[in-house]
């Protein structure tokens, strides 16, 4: 009987910069690792508040309902789409990598006791203005988080 698949790595996204965390996670997914991201709504986006909100509202408004592109409204889906942009998601290798990724808002009951790993490369640098959390951005996009 073959060995059971190793349990997935749990990554806590609390306070991590969205793009930096996504790039580290994408690289690990392409190397064959399974990753579960918890607290996706607590990931942050750095930059001026005005520019960040303008980017996400423009991305959400782009295209049409029927033909797309369809930009997500909820934080877990935004996190997943950010990672998707960093893998070759149209090729088999990228599709397999995306299948190994799970993203959750909060911590699901089955992962309640586990300690989530933090990614040191994805911590924000000290800044004068506080970064925006994904929860804050998605509330402005109309999500009920």
C-alpha atoms as a PDB file:
ATOM      1  CA  UNK A   1       0.000   0.000   0.000  1.00  0.00           C
ATOM      2  CA  UNK A   2       1.474   3.440  -0.892  1.00  0.00           C
ATOM      3  CA  UNK A   3       2.219   5.961   1.821  1.00  0.00           C
ATOM      4  CA  UNK A   4      -0.587   8.341   2.687  1.00  0.00           C
ATOM      5  CA  UNK A   5      -0.217  11.853   1.313  1.00  0.00           C
ATOM      6  CA  UNK A   6       1.467  14.148   3.814  1.00  0.00           C
ATOM      7  CA  UNK A   7      -0.827  16.564   5.593  1.00  0.00           C
ATOM      8  CA  UNK A   8      -0.967  20.001   3.967  1.00  0.00           C
ATOM      9  CA  UNK A   9       1.016  22.929   5.310  1.00  0.00           C
ATOM     10  CA  UNK A  10      -1.183  25.444   7.134  1.00  0.00           C
ATOM     11  CA  UNK A  11      -0.230  29.091   6.479  1.00  0.00           C
ATOM     12  CA  UNK A  12      -1.750  31.879   8.585  1.00  0.00           C
ATOM     13  CA  UNK A  13      -2.151  34.955   6.366  1.00  0.00           C
ATOM     14  CA  UNK A  14      -2.759  37.347   9.279  1.00  0.00           C
ATOM     15  CA  UNK A  15      -0.743  40.502   8.682  1.00  0.00           C
ATOM     16  CA  UNK A  16       1.070  39.169   5.605  1.00  0.00           C
ATOM     17  CA  UNK A  17       1.369  41.286   2.453  1.00  0.00           C
ATOM     18  CA  UNK A  18      -0.923  39.736  -0.168  1.00  0.00           C
ATOM     19  CA  UNK A  19       1.433  39.789  -3.153  1.00  0.00           C
ATOM     20  CA  UNK A  20       4.504  38.617  -1.267  1.00  0.00           C
ATOM     21  CA  UNK A  21       2.636  35.780   0.431  1.00  0.00           C
ATOM     22  CA  UNK A  22       1.091  34.754  -2.893  1.00  0.00           C
ATOM     23  CA  UNK A  23       4.481  34.573  -4.618  1.00  0.00           C
ATOM     24  CA  UNK A  24       5.994  32.400  -1.866  1.00  0.00           C
ATOM     25  CA  UNK A  25       2.930  30.142  -1.841  1.00  0.00           C
ATOM     26  CA  UNK A  26       2.893  29.885  -5.662  1.00  0.00           C
ATOM     27  CA  UNK A  27       6.511  28.751  -5.719  1.00  0.00           C
ATOM     28  CA  UNK A  28       5.847  26.125  -3.057  1.00  0.00           C
ATOM     29  CA  UNK A  29       2.741  24.879  -4.879  1.00  0.00           C
ATOM     30  CA  UNK A  30       4.728  24.453  -8.087  1.00  0.00           C
ATOM     31  CA  UNK A  31       7.238  22.382  -6.108  1.00  0.00           C
ATOM     32  CA  UNK A  32       4.455  19.934  -5.226  1.00  0.00           C
ATOM     33  CA  UNK A  33       3.503  21.085  -1.734  1.00  0.00           C
ATOM     34  CA  UNK A  34      -0.125  21.195  -0.553  1.00  0.00           C
ATOM     35  CA  UNK A  35      -1.010  24.418   1.254  1.00  0.00           C
ATOM     36  CA  UNK A  36      -4.026  25.545   3.262  1.00  0.00           C
ATOM     37  CA  UNK A  37      -4.267  29.306   3.865  1.00  0.00           C
ATOM     38  CA  UNK A  38      -6.334  30.455   6.851  1.00  0.00           C
ATOM     39  CA  UNK A  39      -7.407  33.979   7.843  1.00  0.00           C
ATOM     40  CA  UNK A  40      -7.257  35.226   4.248  1.00  0.00           C
ATOM     41  CA  UNK A  41      -9.304  38.281   5.215  1.00  0.00           C
ATOM     42  CA  UNK A  42      -6.471  39.438   7.495  1.00  0.00           C
ATOM     43  CA  UNK A  43      -3.900  39.652   4.679  1.00  0.00           C
ATOM     44  CA  UNK A  44      -2.919  43.245   3.910  1.00  0.00           C
ATOM     45  CA  UNK A  45      -2.308  45.314   0.798  1.00  0.00           C
ATOM     46  CA  UNK A  46       0.256  48.090   1.074  1.00  0.00           C
ATOM     47  CA  UNK A  47       0.165  51.407  -0.736  1.00  0.00           C
ATOM     48  CA  UNK A  48      -1.950  54.508  -0.524  1.00  0.00           C
ATOM     49  CA  UNK A  49      -5.534  53.842   0.441  1.00  0.00           C
ATOM     50  CA  UNK A  50      -6.846  55.767  -2.566  1.00  0.00           C
ATOM     51  CA  UNK A  51      -4.766  53.836  -5.128  1.00  0.00           C
ATOM     52  CA  UNK A  52      -5.487  50.425  -3.604  1.00  0.00           C
ATOM     53  CA  UNK A  53      -9.243  51.016  -3.531  1.00  0.00           C
ATOM     54  CA  UNK A  54      -9.172  52.440  -7.067  1.00  0.00           C
ATOM     55  CA  UNK A  55      -7.370  49.303  -8.315  1.00  0.00           C
ATOM     56  CA  UNK A  56      -9.842  46.861  -6.755  1.00  0.00           C
ATOM     57  CA  UNK A  57     -12.979  48.807  -7.719  1.00  0.00           C
ATOM     58  CA  UNK A  58     -11.725  49.167 -11.309  1.00  0.00           C
ATOM     59  CA  UNK A  59     -10.878  45.448 -11.504  1.00  0.00           C
ATOM     60  CA  UNK A  60     -14.328  44.566 -10.184  1.00  0.00           C
ATOM     61  CA  UNK A  61     -16.089  46.910 -12.642  1.00  0.00           C
ATOM     62  CA  UNK A  62     -14.099  45.825 -15.719  1.00  0.00           C
ATOM     63  CA  UNK A  63     -15.801  43.712 -18.368  1.00  0.00           C
ATOM     64  CA  UNK A  64     -19.377  42.509 -18.389  1.00  0.00           C
ATOM     65  CA  UNK A  65     -21.422  40.111 -16.316  1.00  0.00           C
ATOM     66  CA  UNK A  66     -21.848  37.744 -19.232  1.00  0.00           C
ATOM     67  CA  UNK A  67     -18.374  37.616 -20.778  1.00  0.00           C
ATOM     68  CA  UNK A  68     -16.031  38.673 -17.957  1.00  0.00           C
ATOM     69  CA  UNK A  69     -13.335  39.063 -16.824  1.00  0.00           C
ATOM     70  CA  UNK A  70     -14.911  38.128 -13.505  1.00  0.00           C
ATOM     71  CA  UNK A  71     -13.012  39.584 -10.552  1.00  0.00           C
ATOM     72  CA  UNK A  72     -13.884  38.119  -7.138  1.00  0.00           C
ATOM     73  CA  UNK A  73     -15.497  40.042  -4.308  1.00  0.00           C
ATOM     74  CA  UNK A  74     -14.612  37.878  -1.283  1.00  0.00           C
ATOM     75  CA  UNK A  75     -11.160  37.812   0.383  1.00  0.00           C
ATOM     76  CA  UNK A  76     -10.518  34.091   0.023  1.00  0.00           C
ATOM     77  CA  UNK A  77     -11.217  34.259  -3.704  1.00  0.00           C
ATOM     78  CA  UNK A  78      -9.093  37.392  -4.169  1.00  0.00           C
ATOM     79  CA  UNK A  79      -6.221  35.602  -2.395  1.00  0.00           C
ATOM     80  CA  UNK A  80      -6.701  32.533  -4.611  1.00  0.00           C
ATOM     81  CA  UNK A  81      -6.801  34.648  -7.777  1.00  0.00           C
ATOM     82  CA  UNK A  82      -3.618  36.465  -6.739  1.00  0.00           C
ATOM     83  CA  UNK A  83      -1.829  33.126  -6.382  1.00  0.00           C
ATOM     84  CA  UNK A  84      -3.343  31.973  -9.695  1.00  0.00           C
ATOM     85  CA  UNK A  85      -1.740  34.942 -11.423  1.00  0.00           C
ATOM     86  CA  UNK A  86       1.667  33.659 -10.335  1.00  0.00           C
ATOM     87  CA  UNK A  87       1.356  30.096 -11.653  1.00  0.00           C
ATOM     88  CA  UNK A  88       0.885  28.884 -15.244  1.00  0.00           C
ATOM     89  CA  UNK A  89      -2.775  28.117 -14.468  1.00  0.00           C
ATOM     90  CA  UNK A  90      -3.697  27.220 -18.043  1.00  0.00           C
ATOM     91  CA  UNK A  91      -1.141  24.395 -18.191  1.00  0.00           C
ATOM     92  CA  UNK A  92      -1.451  21.022 -16.485  1.00  0.00           C
ATOM     93  CA  UNK A  93       1.352  21.823 -14.059  1.00  0.00           C
ATOM     94  CA  UNK A  94      -0.375  25.012 -12.926  1.00  0.00           C
ATOM     95  CA  UNK A  95      -3.817  23.392 -12.708  1.00  0.00           C
ATOM     96  CA  UNK A  96      -2.372  20.657 -10.494  1.00  0.00           C
ATOM     97  CA  UNK A  97      -0.685  23.294  -8.337  1.00  0.00           C
ATOM     98  CA  UNK A  98      -3.947  25.242  -7.923  1.00  0.00           C
ATOM     99  CA  UNK A  99      -5.721  22.009  -6.953  1.00  0.00           C
ATOM    100  CA  UNK A 100      -3.291  21.721  -4.027  1.00  0.00           C
ATOM    101  CA  UNK A 101      -4.295  25.167  -2.678  1.00  0.00           C
ATOM    102  CA  UNK A 102      -7.129  25.793  -0.227  1.00  0.00           C
ATOM    103  CA  UNK A 103      -7.953  29.278   1.051  1.00  0.00           C
ATOM    104  CA  UNK A 104     -10.316  29.956   3.960  1.00  0.00           C
ATOM    105  CA  UNK A 105     -11.876  32.980   5.602  1.00  0.00           C
ATOM    106  CA  UNK A 106     -11.106  32.508   9.288  1.00  0.00           C
ATOM    107  CA  UNK A 107     -10.045  29.100  10.575  1.00  0.00           C
ATOM    108  CA  UNK A 108     -12.235  26.096   9.682  1.00  0.00           C
ATOM    109  CA  UNK A 109     -13.193  23.745  12.554  1.00  0.00           C
ATOM    110  CA  UNK A 110     -11.008  20.870  11.295  1.00  0.00           C
ATOM    111  CA  UNK A 111      -7.902  23.111  11.510  1.00  0.00           C
ATOM    112  CA  UNK A 112      -8.856  24.807  14.785  1.00  0.00           C
ATOM    113  CA  UNK A 113      -6.073  23.355  16.932  1.00  0.00           C
ATOM    114  CA  UNK A 114      -3.223  23.564  14.412  1.00  0.00           C
ATOM    115  CA  UNK A 115      -0.634  26.307  14.555  1.00  0.00           C
ATOM    116  CA  UNK A 116      -0.412  28.169  11.271  1.00  0.00           C
ATOM    117  CA  UNK A 117       2.993  28.835   9.751  1.00  0.00           C
ATOM    118  CA  UNK A 118       3.898  32.457   9.019  1.00  0.00           C
ATOM    119  CA  UNK A 119       5.984  33.441   6.006  1.00  0.00           C
ATOM    120  CA  UNK A 120       8.846  35.733   7.124  1.00  0.00           C
ATOM    121  CA  UNK A 121       9.432  36.982   3.558  1.00  0.00           C
ATOM    122  CA  UNK A 122       5.848  38.275   3.403  1.00  0.00           C
ATOM    123  CA  UNK A 123       5.778  40.512   6.480  1.00  0.00           C
ATOM    124  CA  UNK A 124       5.183  44.198   5.718  1.00  0.00           C
ATOM    125  CA  UNK A 125       7.959  46.705   6.246  1.00  0.00           C
ATOM    126  CA  UNK A 126       7.316  49.462   8.769  1.00  0.00           C
ATOM    127  CA  UNK A 127       5.393  52.297   7.107  1.00  0.00           C
ATOM    128  CA  UNK A 128       3.855  55.580   8.115  1.00  0.00           C
ATOM    129  CA  UNK A 129       0.424  54.657   6.787  1.00  0.00           C
ATOM    130  CA  UNK A 130      -1.236  51.452   7.935  1.00  0.00           C
ATOM    131  CA  UNK A 131      -1.880  48.873   5.207  1.00  0.00           C
ATOM    132  CA  UNK A 132      -5.434  47.970   4.172  1.00  0.00           C
ATOM    133  CA  UNK A 133      -6.698  44.515   5.093  1.00  0.00           C
ATOM    134  CA  UNK A 134      -8.491  42.378   2.526  1.00  0.00           C
ATOM    135  CA  UNK A 135     -11.562  42.402   4.787  1.00  0.00           C
ATOM    136  CA  UNK A 136     -11.708  46.187   4.559  1.00  0.00           C
ATOM    137  CA  UNK A 137     -11.264  46.169   0.776  1.00  0.00           C
ATOM    138  CA  UNK A 138     -13.885  43.483   0.207  1.00  0.00           C
ATOM    139  CA  UNK A 139     -16.439  45.269   2.398  1.00  0.00           C
ATOM    140  CA  UNK A 140     -16.099  48.247   0.058  1.00  0.00           C
ATOM    141  CA  UNK A 141     -16.587  45.892  -2.921  1.00  0.00           C
ATOM    142  CA  UNK A 142     -19.873  44.728  -1.413  1.00  0.00           C
ATOM    143  CA  UNK A 143     -18.899  41.500   0.359  1.00  0.00           C
ATOM    144  CA  UNK A 144     -20.495  40.706   3.705  1.00  0.00           C
ATOM    145  CA  UNK A 145     -17.396  39.634   5.661  1.00  0.00           C
END
